[in-house]
Amino acid sequence: MGIIESILIAVSLCADCFAVSLCSSVTIREINAGKVLRVAMAFAVIQSGLLLAGWLFGNLFVGLIERISHIIGFLLLLYVGGSILIEGIRNTQEAKDLNGLKNVIIGGVATSIDALAVGVAQSMAGQDWPGFAPLLISVFAVTAISVICGIRGGRKLGARFGRRAEVAGGLILIGIGVSLLF
């Protein structure tokens, strides 16, 4: 997998993290550099951790269903991308409270389930470790940056771009899923 594709997937996966951090920035009692960095690192670790877990899980089963793995990868990406797209169109994203470790972890996991599915899809598409590592690094870095920008951006930017970021992310994931079929 090339670096451009890795970055596009990373941007797609972190669209909901960006939207949540934008919307939730108004709930953070004290916004300082330390708090922003802790929240960003928590989201990045959870997002990349679930991506890696999905890839490892997929590797356990790829030998068993190798003939249809590209179809399964497509269906997973279609589901994830479609879910993100529908959520972005409906604008059902609710602000999450990011005060306290428990709320940060819940927010991080809620926005990272799609990374688990993408990890499985990448594994079933035959992605080996050298090809997967740039994606893992990209997801970590782009997620951290997006959460930092989201928290710093505040309510005004969230109202303006949060929904569009989710729609774009969903469309990109669906497009990558379609590419697995060819």
N, C-alpha and C. Protein backbone atom coordinates (compact mmCIF):
# COMPACT_ATOMS: atom_id res chain seq x y z
N MET A 1 0.85 -1.17 0.00
CA MET A 1 0.00 0.00 0.00
C MET A 1 0.89 1.23 0.00
N GLY A 2 0.55 2.18 -0.83
CA GLY A 2 1.32 3.40 -0.93
C GLY A 2 1.00 4.38 0.19
N ILE A 3 1.87 5.36 0.33
CA ILE A 3 1.70 6.35 1.39
C ILE A 3 0.46 7.20 1.15
N ILE A 4 0.15 7.52 -0.10
CA ILE A 4 -1.03 8.33 -0.40
C ILE A 4 -2.30 7.58 0.01
N GLU A 5 -2.39 6.30 -0.35
CA GLU A 5 -3.56 5.51 0.04
C GLU A 5 -3.64 5.39 1.56
N SER A 6 -2.49 5.20 2.21
CA SER A 6 -2.46 5.11 3.68
C SER A 6 -2.99 6.40 4.32
N ILE A 7 -2.56 7.53 3.80
CA ILE A 7 -3.01 8.82 4.35
C ILE A 7 -4.50 9.02 4.09
N LEU A 8 -4.98 8.64 2.90
CA LEU A 8 -6.41 8.78 2.61
C LEU A 8 -7.26 7.92 3.55
N ILE A 9 -6.82 6.70 3.80
CA ILE A 9 -7.55 5.84 4.74
C ILE A 9 -7.49 6.46 6.14
N ALA A 10 -6.33 6.95 6.53
CA ALA A 10 -6.18 7.56 7.86
C ALA A 10 -7.11 8.77 8.01
N VAL A 11 -7.16 9.59 6.98
CA VAL A 11 -8.05 10.77 7.01
C VAL A 11 -9.51 10.31 7.11
N SER A 12 -9.85 9.27 6.38
CA SER A 12 -11.22 8.75 6.43
C SER A 12 -11.57 8.23 7.81
N LEU A 13 -10.65 7.49 8.39
CA LEU A 13 -10.91 6.91 9.71
C LEU A 13 -10.99 7.97 10.81
N CYS A 14 -10.26 9.04 10.67
CA CYS A 14 -10.25 10.02 11.75
C CYS A 14 -11.30 11.11 11.58
N ALA A 15 -12.11 11.03 10.53
CA ALA A 15 -13.14 12.05 10.32
C ALA A 15 -14.09 12.13 11.51
N ASP A 16 -14.51 10.97 12.05
CA ASP A 16 -15.41 11.01 13.19
C ASP A 16 -14.69 11.48 14.46
N CYS A 17 -13.40 11.16 14.61
CA CYS A 17 -12.63 11.68 15.74
C CYS A 17 -12.55 13.20 15.67
N PHE A 18 -12.32 13.71 14.47
CA PHE A 18 -12.27 15.15 14.26
C PHE A 18 -13.61 15.79 14.60
N ALA A 19 -14.70 15.19 14.10
CA ALA A 19 -16.02 15.74 14.35
C ALA A 19 -16.36 15.72 15.84
N VAL A 20 -16.05 14.61 16.52
CA VAL A 20 -16.33 14.51 17.95
C VAL A 20 -15.49 15.52 18.73
N SER A 21 -14.23 15.65 18.39
CA SER A 21 -13.39 16.61 19.13
C SER A 21 -13.83 18.04 18.87
N LEU A 22 -14.27 18.34 17.66
CA LEU A 22 -14.80 19.67 17.37
C LEU A 22 -16.04 19.95 18.21
N CYS A 23 -16.98 19.02 18.16
CA CYS A 23 -18.24 19.21 18.89
C CYS A 23 -18.03 19.18 20.40
N SER A 24 -17.10 18.39 20.85
CA SER A 24 -16.89 18.22 22.29
C SER A 24 -15.98 19.27 22.90
N SER A 25 -15.33 20.05 22.07
CA SER A 25 -14.41 21.05 22.63
C SER A 25 -15.11 22.01 23.57
N VAL A 26 -16.41 22.21 23.37
CA VAL A 26 -17.15 23.11 24.25
C VAL A 26 -17.41 22.48 25.61
N THR A 27 -17.28 21.14 25.72
CA THR A 27 -17.55 20.49 27.00
C THR A 27 -16.30 20.38 27.87
N ILE A 28 -15.15 20.60 27.30
CA ILE A 28 -13.91 20.47 28.07
C ILE A 28 -13.78 21.67 29.00
N ARG A 29 -13.72 21.37 30.29
CA ARG A 29 -13.69 22.44 31.29
C ARG A 29 -12.46 23.31 31.16
N GLU A 30 -11.33 22.68 30.99
CA GLU A 30 -10.07 23.42 30.93
C GLU A 30 -9.29 22.96 29.71
N ILE A 31 -9.17 23.84 28.73
CA ILE A 31 -8.42 23.49 27.52
C ILE A 31 -7.02 24.07 27.66
N ASN A 32 -6.06 23.17 27.90
CA ASN A 32 -4.65 23.55 27.92
C ASN A 32 -3.88 22.53 27.09
N ALA A 33 -2.64 22.83 26.82
CA ALA A 33 -1.83 21.97 25.93
C ALA A 33 -1.75 20.54 26.45
N GLY A 34 -1.59 20.37 27.76
CA GLY A 34 -1.49 19.02 28.33
C GLY A 34 -2.76 18.22 28.13
N LYS A 35 -3.90 18.84 28.39
CA LYS A 35 -5.19 18.17 28.24
C LYS A 35 -5.43 17.79 26.77
N VAL A 36 -5.16 18.73 25.87
CA VAL A 36 -5.35 18.48 24.44
C VAL A 36 -4.46 17.32 24.00
N LEU A 37 -3.21 17.31 24.43
CA LEU A 37 -2.28 16.25 24.04
C LEU A 37 -2.72 14.90 24.60
N ARG A 38 -3.18 14.86 25.85
CA ARG A 38 -3.64 13.60 26.44
C ARG A 38 -4.84 13.03 25.68
N VAL A 39 -5.80 13.89 25.37
CA VAL A 39 -6.98 13.43 24.64
C VAL A 39 -6.57 12.95 23.24
N ALA A 40 -5.73 13.70 22.57
CA ALA A 40 -5.29 13.33 21.22
C ALA A 40 -4.53 12.00 21.24
N MET A 41 -3.66 11.81 22.21
CA MET A 41 -2.90 10.55 22.28
C MET A 41 -3.81 9.38 22.61
N ALA A 42 -4.79 9.60 23.47
CA ALA A 42 -5.73 8.51 23.80
C ALA A 42 -6.51 8.09 22.55
N PHE A 43 -7.03 9.06 21.80
CA PHE A 43 -7.76 8.74 20.58
C PHE A 43 -6.84 8.04 19.58
N ALA A 44 -5.61 8.52 19.42
CA ALA A 44 -4.69 7.94 18.44
C ALA A 44 -4.29 6.52 18.83
N VAL A 45 -4.04 6.27 20.10
CA VAL A 45 -3.67 4.93 20.55
C VAL A 45 -4.84 3.97 20.37
N ILE A 46 -6.04 4.40 20.74
CA ILE A 46 -7.21 3.53 20.59
C ILE A 46 -7.47 3.24 19.11
N GLN A 47 -7.45 4.29 18.29
CA GLN A 47 -7.73 4.12 16.85
C GLN A 47 -6.71 3.18 16.19
N SER A 48 -5.42 3.43 16.41
CA SER A 48 -4.40 2.59 15.78
C SER A 48 -4.37 1.20 16.43
N GLY A 49 -4.68 1.11 17.72
CA GLY A 49 -4.73 -0.19 18.39
C GLY A 49 -5.83 -1.07 17.83
N LEU A 50 -7.01 -0.50 17.60
CA LEU A 50 -8.10 -1.28 17.03
C LEU A 50 -7.82 -1.64 15.57
N LEU A 51 -7.17 -0.75 14.84
CA LEU A 51 -6.76 -1.06 13.47
C LEU A 51 -5.83 -2.27 13.46
N LEU A 52 -4.83 -2.26 14.33
CA LEU A 52 -3.88 -3.37 14.44
C LEU A 52 -4.58 -4.65 14.88
N ALA A 53 -5.49 -4.55 15.85
CA ALA A 53 -6.22 -5.73 16.32
C ALA A 53 -7.03 -6.34 15.18
N GLY A 54 -7.67 -5.50 14.39
CA GLY A 54 -8.44 -6.00 13.24
C GLY A 54 -7.55 -6.70 12.23
N TRP A 55 -6.39 -6.10 11.97
CA TRP A 55 -5.46 -6.70 11.01
C TRP A 55 -4.96 -8.06 11.52
N LEU A 56 -4.62 -8.13 12.80
CA LEU A 56 -4.15 -9.39 13.38
C LEU A 56 -5.26 -10.45 13.36
N PHE A 57 -6.48 -10.04 13.71
CA PHE A 57 -7.62 -10.95 13.69
C PHE A 57 -7.86 -11.47 12.27
N GLY A 58 -7.81 -10.58 11.31
CA GLY A 58 -7.99 -10.98 9.91
C GLY A 58 -6.94 -11.96 9.45
N ASN A 59 -5.71 -11.78 9.93
CA ASN A 59 -4.63 -12.70 9.54
C ASN A 59 -4.87 -14.11 10.04
N LEU A 60 -5.59 -14.26 11.13
CA LEU A 60 -5.89 -15.60 11.64
C LEU A 60 -6.80 -16.37 10.67
N PHE A 61 -7.66 -15.64 9.98
CA PHE A 61 -8.66 -16.29 9.15
C PHE A 61 -8.43 -16.16 7.66
N VAL A 62 -7.44 -15.38 7.26
CA VAL A 62 -7.25 -15.14 5.83
C VAL A 62 -6.94 -16.42 5.06
N GLY A 63 -6.23 -17.35 5.65
CA GLY A 63 -5.94 -18.61 4.97
C GLY A 63 -7.18 -19.46 4.77
N LEU A 64 -8.12 -19.36 5.68
CA LEU A 64 -9.33 -20.16 5.58
C LEU A 64 -10.29 -19.67 4.50
N ILE A 65 -10.30 -18.37 4.29
CA ILE A 65 -11.28 -17.82 3.35
C ILE A 65 -10.61 -16.92 2.30
N GLU A 66 -9.41 -17.30 1.92
CA GLU A 66 -8.62 -16.49 1.00
C GLU A 66 -9.34 -16.22 -0.32
N ARG A 67 -10.11 -17.15 -0.80
CA ARG A 67 -10.78 -16.99 -2.09
C ARG A 67 -11.81 -15.86 -2.08
N ILE A 68 -12.43 -15.63 -0.94
CA ILE A 68 -13.46 -14.60 -0.90
C ILE A 68 -13.05 -13.39 -0.04
N SER A 69 -11.79 -13.31 0.30
CA SER A 69 -11.35 -12.24 1.21
C SER A 69 -11.56 -10.86 0.62
N HIS A 70 -11.38 -10.70 -0.69
CA HIS A 70 -11.58 -9.38 -1.30
C HIS A 70 -13.05 -8.96 -1.21
N ILE A 71 -13.95 -9.92 -1.29
CA ILE A 71 -15.38 -9.60 -1.17
C ILE A 71 -15.71 -9.21 0.27
N ILE A 72 -15.16 -9.95 1.23
CA ILE A 72 -15.39 -9.62 2.64
C ILE A 72 -14.81 -8.24 2.96
N GLY A 73 -13.62 -7.97 2.46
CA GLY A 73 -13.01 -6.66 2.66
C GLY A 73 -13.88 -5.56 2.07
N PHE A 74 -14.39 -5.78 0.87
CA PHE A 74 -15.29 -4.82 0.24
C PHE A 74 -16.53 -4.60 1.10
N LEU A 75 -17.15 -5.68 1.56
CA LEU A 75 -18.37 -5.56 2.36
C LEU A 75 -18.11 -4.82 3.67
N LEU A 76 -16.98 -5.11 4.32
CA LEU A 76 -16.66 -4.41 5.55
C LEU A 76 -16.46 -2.91 5.30
N LEU A 77 -15.70 -2.58 4.28
CA LEU A 77 -15.47 -1.17 3.97
C LEU A 77 -16.75 -0.49 3.51
N LEU A 78 -17.59 -1.21 2.77
CA LEU A 78 -18.88 -0.65 2.36
C LEU A 78 -19.74 -0.35 3.59
N TYR A 79 -19.76 -1.28 4.53
CA TYR A 79 -20.54 -1.08 5.75
C TYR A 79 -20.01 0.11 6.55
N VAL A 80 -18.71 0.13 6.79
CA VAL A 80 -18.11 1.20 7.58
C VAL A 80 -18.27 2.54 6.87
N GLY A 81 -17.89 2.58 5.60
CA GLY A 81 -18.01 3.82 4.84
C GLY A 81 -19.45 4.28 4.74
N GLY A 82 -20.36 3.34 4.50
CA GLY A 82 -21.78 3.68 4.42
C GLY A 82 -22.32 4.21 5.74
N SER A 83 -21.91 3.60 6.83
CA SER A 83 -22.34 4.07 8.16
C SER A 83 -21.85 5.49 8.42
N ILE A 84 -20.58 5.74 8.12
CA ILE A 84 -20.03 7.07 8.31
C ILE A 84 -20.74 8.07 7.41
N LEU A 85 -20.97 7.68 6.16
CA LEU A 85 -21.64 8.55 5.20
C LEU A 85 -23.05 8.89 5.67
N ILE A 86 -23.81 7.89 6.08
CA ILE A 86 -25.19 8.12 6.54
C ILE A 86 -25.20 9.00 7.79
N GLU A 87 -24.28 8.74 8.73
CA GLU A 87 -24.21 9.56 9.94
C GLU A 87 -23.88 11.00 9.59
N GLY A 88 -23.00 11.18 8.61
CA GLY A 88 -22.65 12.53 8.19
C GLY A 88 -23.79 13.24 7.50
N ILE A 89 -24.55 12.52 6.69
CA ILE A 89 -25.68 13.11 5.98
C ILE A 89 -26.81 13.44 6.95
N ARG A 90 -27.10 12.52 7.85
CA ARG A 90 -28.17 12.73 8.83
C ARG A 90 -27.79 13.72 9.92
N ASN A 91 -26.46 13.91 10.09
CA ASN A 91 -25.95 14.81 11.12
C ASN A 91 -26.43 14.38 12.50
N THR A 92 -26.28 13.07 12.80
CA THR A 92 -26.74 12.55 14.08
C THR A 92 -25.65 12.53 15.13
N GLN A 93 -24.48 13.06 14.79
CA GLN A 93 -23.37 13.08 15.74
C GLN A 93 -23.72 13.97 16.93
N GLU A 94 -23.68 13.41 18.10
CA GLU A 94 -23.95 14.18 19.30
C GLU A 94 -22.63 14.52 19.98
N ALA A 95 -22.62 15.66 20.62
CA ALA A 95 -21.41 16.05 21.35
C ALA A 95 -21.17 15.07 22.48
N LYS A 96 -19.93 14.69 22.65
CA LYS A 96 -19.56 13.80 23.74
C LYS A 96 -18.72 14.58 24.73
N ASP A 97 -18.93 14.31 25.98
CA ASP A 97 -18.19 14.98 27.04
C ASP A 97 -16.80 14.36 27.12
N LEU A 98 -15.76 15.16 26.96
CA LEU A 98 -14.39 14.64 27.00
C LEU A 98 -13.67 15.00 28.30
N ASN A 99 -14.43 15.19 29.37
CA ASN A 99 -13.83 15.43 30.68
C ASN A 99 -13.69 14.09 31.39
N GLY A 100 -12.50 13.76 31.82
CA GLY A 100 -12.25 12.52 32.54
C GLY A 100 -11.81 11.39 31.61
N LEU A 101 -10.97 10.52 32.14
CA LEU A 101 -10.40 9.41 31.38
C LEU A 101 -11.49 8.48 30.83
N LYS A 102 -12.49 8.17 31.64
CA LYS A 102 -13.56 7.27 31.20
C LYS A 102 -14.25 7.82 29.96
N ASN A 103 -14.58 9.10 29.96
CA ASN A 103 -15.27 9.70 28.82
C ASN A 103 -14.37 9.76 27.59
N VAL A 104 -13.09 9.99 27.79
CA VAL A 104 -12.16 10.02 26.66
C VAL A 104 -12.05 8.63 26.04
N ILE A 105 -11.96 7.60 26.88
CA ILE A 105 -11.87 6.23 26.36
C ILE A 105 -13.15 5.84 25.63
N ILE A 106 -14.29 6.18 26.20
CA ILE A 106 -15.56 5.87 25.53
C ILE A 106 -15.63 6.58 24.19
N GLY A 107 -15.27 7.85 24.17
CA GLY A 107 -15.27 8.60 22.91
C GLY A 107 -14.29 8.02 21.91
N GLY A 108 -13.10 7.61 22.39
CA GLY A 108 -12.09 7.02 21.52
C GLY A 108 -12.54 5.71 20.91
N VAL A 109 -13.13 4.84 21.72
CA VAL A 109 -13.60 3.55 21.21
C VAL A 109 -14.79 3.74 20.27
N ALA A 110 -15.71 4.63 20.65
CA ALA A 110 -16.89 4.86 19.81
C ALA A 110 -16.52 5.35 18.42
N THR A 111 -15.45 6.11 18.33
CA THR A 111 -15.04 6.64 17.03
C THR A 111 -14.03 5.75 16.32
N SER A 112 -13.68 4.62 16.91
CA SER A 112 -12.62 3.79 16.35
C SER A 112 -13.06 2.39 15.95
N ILE A 113 -14.32 2.07 16.14
CA ILE A 113 -14.80 0.74 15.75
C ILE A 113 -14.56 0.50 14.26
N ASP A 114 -14.71 1.55 13.47
CA ASP A 114 -14.48 1.42 12.04
C ASP A 114 -13.04 1.04 11.72
N ALA A 115 -12.10 1.46 12.56
CA ALA A 115 -10.69 1.10 12.36
C ALA A 115 -10.49 -0.41 12.50
N LEU A 116 -11.22 -1.03 13.40
CA LEU A 116 -11.16 -2.48 13.57
C LEU A 116 -11.58 -3.18 12.27
N ALA A 117 -12.68 -2.73 11.70
CA ALA A 117 -13.17 -3.32 10.45
C ALA A 117 -12.20 -3.08 9.30
N VAL A 118 -11.61 -1.90 9.25
CA VAL A 118 -10.65 -1.60 8.19
C VAL A 118 -9.41 -2.48 8.34
N GLY A 119 -8.98 -2.72 9.57
CA GLY A 119 -7.85 -3.61 9.81
C GLY A 119 -8.13 -5.01 9.30
N VAL A 120 -9.33 -5.53 9.60
CA VAL A 120 -9.72 -6.85 9.10
C VAL A 120 -9.73 -6.84 7.57
N ALA A 121 -10.30 -5.79 7.00
CA ALA A 121 -10.38 -5.70 5.53
C ALA A 121 -8.99 -5.67 4.90
N GLN A 122 -8.07 -4.92 5.50
CA GLN A 122 -6.71 -4.85 4.96
C GLN A 122 -6.03 -6.21 5.03
N SER A 123 -6.23 -6.91 6.13
CA SER A 123 -5.63 -8.23 6.28
C SER A 123 -6.19 -9.20 5.25
N MET A 124 -7.49 -9.18 5.08
CA MET A 124 -8.12 -10.10 4.15
C MET A 124 -7.83 -9.74 2.70
N ALA A 125 -7.42 -8.51 2.46
CA ALA A 125 -7.02 -8.11 1.11
C ALA A 125 -5.58 -8.53 0.83
N GLY A 126 -4.93 -9.19 1.82
CA GLY A 126 -3.59 -9.70 1.62
C GLY A 126 -2.49 -8.74 2.01
N GLN A 127 -2.81 -7.70 2.74
CA GLN A 127 -1.81 -6.71 3.14
C GLN A 127 -0.84 -7.33 4.15
N ASP A 128 0.43 -7.35 3.82
CA ASP A 128 1.44 -7.89 4.73
C ASP A 128 1.92 -6.77 5.67
N TRP A 129 2.76 -7.13 6.65
CA TRP A 129 3.21 -6.15 7.64
C TRP A 129 3.93 -4.96 7.02
N PRO A 130 4.88 -5.15 6.10
CA PRO A 130 5.55 -3.98 5.51
C PRO A 130 4.58 -3.04 4.78
N GLY A 131 3.53 -3.59 4.23
CA GLY A 131 2.53 -2.75 3.57
C GLY A 131 1.54 -2.13 4.54
N PHE A 132 1.33 -2.80 5.68
CA PHE A 132 0.37 -2.33 6.68
C PHE A 132 0.96 -1.28 7.61
N ALA A 133 2.25 -1.37 7.88
CA ALA A 133 2.90 -0.45 8.84
C ALA A 133 2.70 1.03 8.49
N PRO A 134 2.85 1.43 7.21
CA PRO A 134 2.61 2.86 6.90
C PRO A 134 1.18 3.29 7.22
N LEU A 135 0.22 2.40 7.03
CA LEU A 135 -1.17 2.72 7.36
C LEU A 135 -1.31 2.92 8.87
N LEU A 136 -0.73 2.02 9.63
CA LEU A 136 -0.80 2.11 11.09
C LEU A 136 -0.19 3.42 11.59
N ILE A 137 0.96 3.77 11.07
CA ILE A 137 1.63 5.02 11.46
C ILE A 137 0.80 6.22 11.01
N SER A 138 0.27 6.17 9.80
CA SER A 138 -0.55 7.27 9.29
C SER A 138 -1.80 7.46 10.13
N VAL A 139 -2.46 6.37 10.50
CA VAL A 139 -3.68 6.46 11.31
C VAL A 139 -3.36 7.09 12.66
N PHE A 140 -2.27 6.66 13.28
CA PHE A 140 -1.89 7.23 14.58
C PHE A 140 -1.65 8.73 14.45
N ALA A 141 -0.82 9.12 13.49
CA ALA A 141 -0.44 10.53 13.35
C ALA A 141 -1.63 11.40 12.93
N VAL A 142 -2.38 10.96 11.94
CA VAL A 142 -3.49 11.77 11.44
C VAL A 142 -4.59 11.88 12.51
N THR A 143 -4.84 10.81 13.24
CA THR A 143 -5.84 10.87 14.31
C THR A 143 -5.42 11.87 15.38
N ALA A 144 -4.17 11.80 15.82
CA ALA A 144 -3.69 12.73 16.85
C ALA A 144 -3.80 14.18 16.37
N ILE A 145 -3.37 14.42 15.15
CA ILE A 145 -3.43 15.78 14.59
C ILE A 145 -4.88 16.25 14.46
N SER A 146 -5.76 15.37 14.00
CA SER A 146 -7.16 15.77 13.81
C SER A 146 -7.84 16.09 15.14
N VAL A 147 -7.52 15.33 16.18
CA VAL A 147 -8.12 15.60 17.49
C VAL A 147 -7.58 16.91 18.06
N ILE A 148 -6.30 17.14 17.91
CA ILE A 148 -5.72 18.41 18.37
C ILE A 148 -6.39 19.58 17.63
N CYS A 149 -6.48 19.46 16.32
CA CYS A 149 -7.12 20.53 15.52
C CYS A 149 -8.59 20.67 15.88
N GLY A 150 -9.26 19.55 16.11
CA GLY A 150 -10.67 19.59 16.46
C GLY A 150 -10.92 20.29 17.78
N ILE A 151 -10.14 19.93 18.78
CA ILE A 151 -10.32 20.56 20.09
C ILE A 151 -9.99 22.04 20.00
N ARG A 152 -8.92 22.36 19.31
CA ARG A 152 -8.51 23.76 19.18
C ARG A 152 -9.47 24.55 18.29
N GLY A 153 -10.10 23.86 17.35
CA GLY A 153 -10.98 24.54 16.40
C GLY A 153 -12.27 25.06 16.98
N GLY A 154 -12.82 24.31 17.91
CA GLY A 154 -14.02 24.77 18.59
C GLY A 154 -15.32 24.60 17.85
N ARG A 155 -16.34 25.15 18.43
CA ARG A 155 -17.72 24.98 17.96
C ARG A 155 -17.96 25.54 16.56
N LYS A 156 -17.39 26.67 16.25
CA LYS A 156 -17.65 27.31 14.95
C LYS A 156 -17.23 26.42 13.78
N LEU A 157 -16.01 25.89 13.85
CA LEU A 157 -15.53 25.02 12.78
C LEU A 157 -16.29 23.69 12.76
N GLY A 158 -16.66 23.19 13.93
CA GLY A 158 -17.40 21.94 14.00
C GLY A 158 -18.73 22.03 13.29
N ALA A 159 -19.42 23.13 13.49
CA ALA A 159 -20.70 23.32 12.83
C ALA A 159 -20.52 23.43 11.32
N ARG A 160 -19.40 23.96 10.90
CA ARG A 160 -19.18 24.21 9.47
C ARG A 160 -18.63 23.00 8.71
N PHE A 161 -17.66 22.26 9.29
CA PHE A 161 -16.97 21.20 8.54
C PHE A 161 -17.16 19.79 9.09
N GLY A 162 -17.65 19.63 10.31
CA GLY A 162 -17.73 18.30 10.91
C GLY A 162 -18.51 17.31 10.08
N ARG A 163 -19.66 17.70 9.60
CA ARG A 163 -20.50 16.83 8.79
C ARG A 163 -19.84 16.52 7.45
N ARG A 164 -19.25 17.50 6.82
CA ARG A 164 -18.59 17.29 5.53
C ARG A 164 -17.41 16.32 5.67
N ALA A 165 -16.69 16.43 6.78
CA ALA A 165 -15.56 15.53 7.01
C ALA A 165 -16.04 14.09 7.10
N GLU A 166 -17.16 13.85 7.77
CA GLU A 166 -17.69 12.50 7.87
C GLU A 166 -18.17 11.99 6.51
N VAL A 167 -18.86 12.82 5.75
CA VAL A 167 -19.34 12.42 4.43
C VAL A 167 -18.16 12.06 3.53
N ALA A 168 -17.14 12.91 3.52
CA ALA A 168 -15.95 12.64 2.70
C ALA A 168 -15.26 11.35 3.15
N GLY A 169 -15.14 11.16 4.45
CA GLY A 169 -14.51 9.94 4.97
C GLY A 169 -15.27 8.69 4.55
N GLY A 170 -16.60 8.74 4.64
CA GLY A 170 -17.41 7.60 4.23
C GLY A 170 -17.25 7.28 2.75
N LEU A 171 -17.25 8.31 1.92
CA LEU A 171 -17.09 8.12 0.48
C LEU A 171 -15.72 7.54 0.13
N ILE A 172 -14.68 8.00 0.80
CA ILE A 172 -13.34 7.48 0.53
C ILE A 172 -13.26 6.00 0.91
N LEU A 173 -13.80 5.62 2.06
CA LEU A 173 -13.77 4.21 2.47
C LEU A 173 -14.56 3.33 1.49
N ILE A 174 -15.71 3.81 1.04
CA ILE A 174 -16.49 3.04 0.06
C ILE A 174 -15.68 2.89 -1.22
N GLY A 175 -15.03 3.96 -1.66
CA GLY A 175 -14.20 3.89 -2.87
C GLY A 175 -13.06 2.89 -2.74
N ILE A 176 -12.41 2.87 -1.61
CA ILE A 176 -11.32 1.90 -1.39
C ILE A 176 -11.88 0.49 -1.37
N GLY A 177 -13.06 0.32 -0.76
CA GLY A 177 -13.70 -1.00 -0.76
C GLY A 177 -14.01 -1.47 -2.17
N VAL A 178 -14.53 -0.59 -3.00
CA VAL A 178 -14.81 -0.94 -4.40
C VAL A 178 -13.53 -1.35 -5.12
N SER A 179 -12.43 -0.65 -4.82
CA SER A 179 -11.16 -0.97 -5.48
C SER A 179 -10.67 -2.38 -5.15
N LEU A 180 -11.10 -2.93 -4.02
CA LEU A 180 -10.70 -4.30 -3.66
C LEU A 180 -11.31 -5.34 -4.60
N LEU A 181 -12.40 -4.98 -5.25
CA LEU A 181 -13.08 -5.92 -6.14
C LEU A 181 -12.38 -6.06 -7.49
N PHE A 182 -11.48 -5.13 -7.80
CA PHE A 182 -10.83 -5.14 -9.11
C PHE A 182 -9.37 -5.46 -9.02
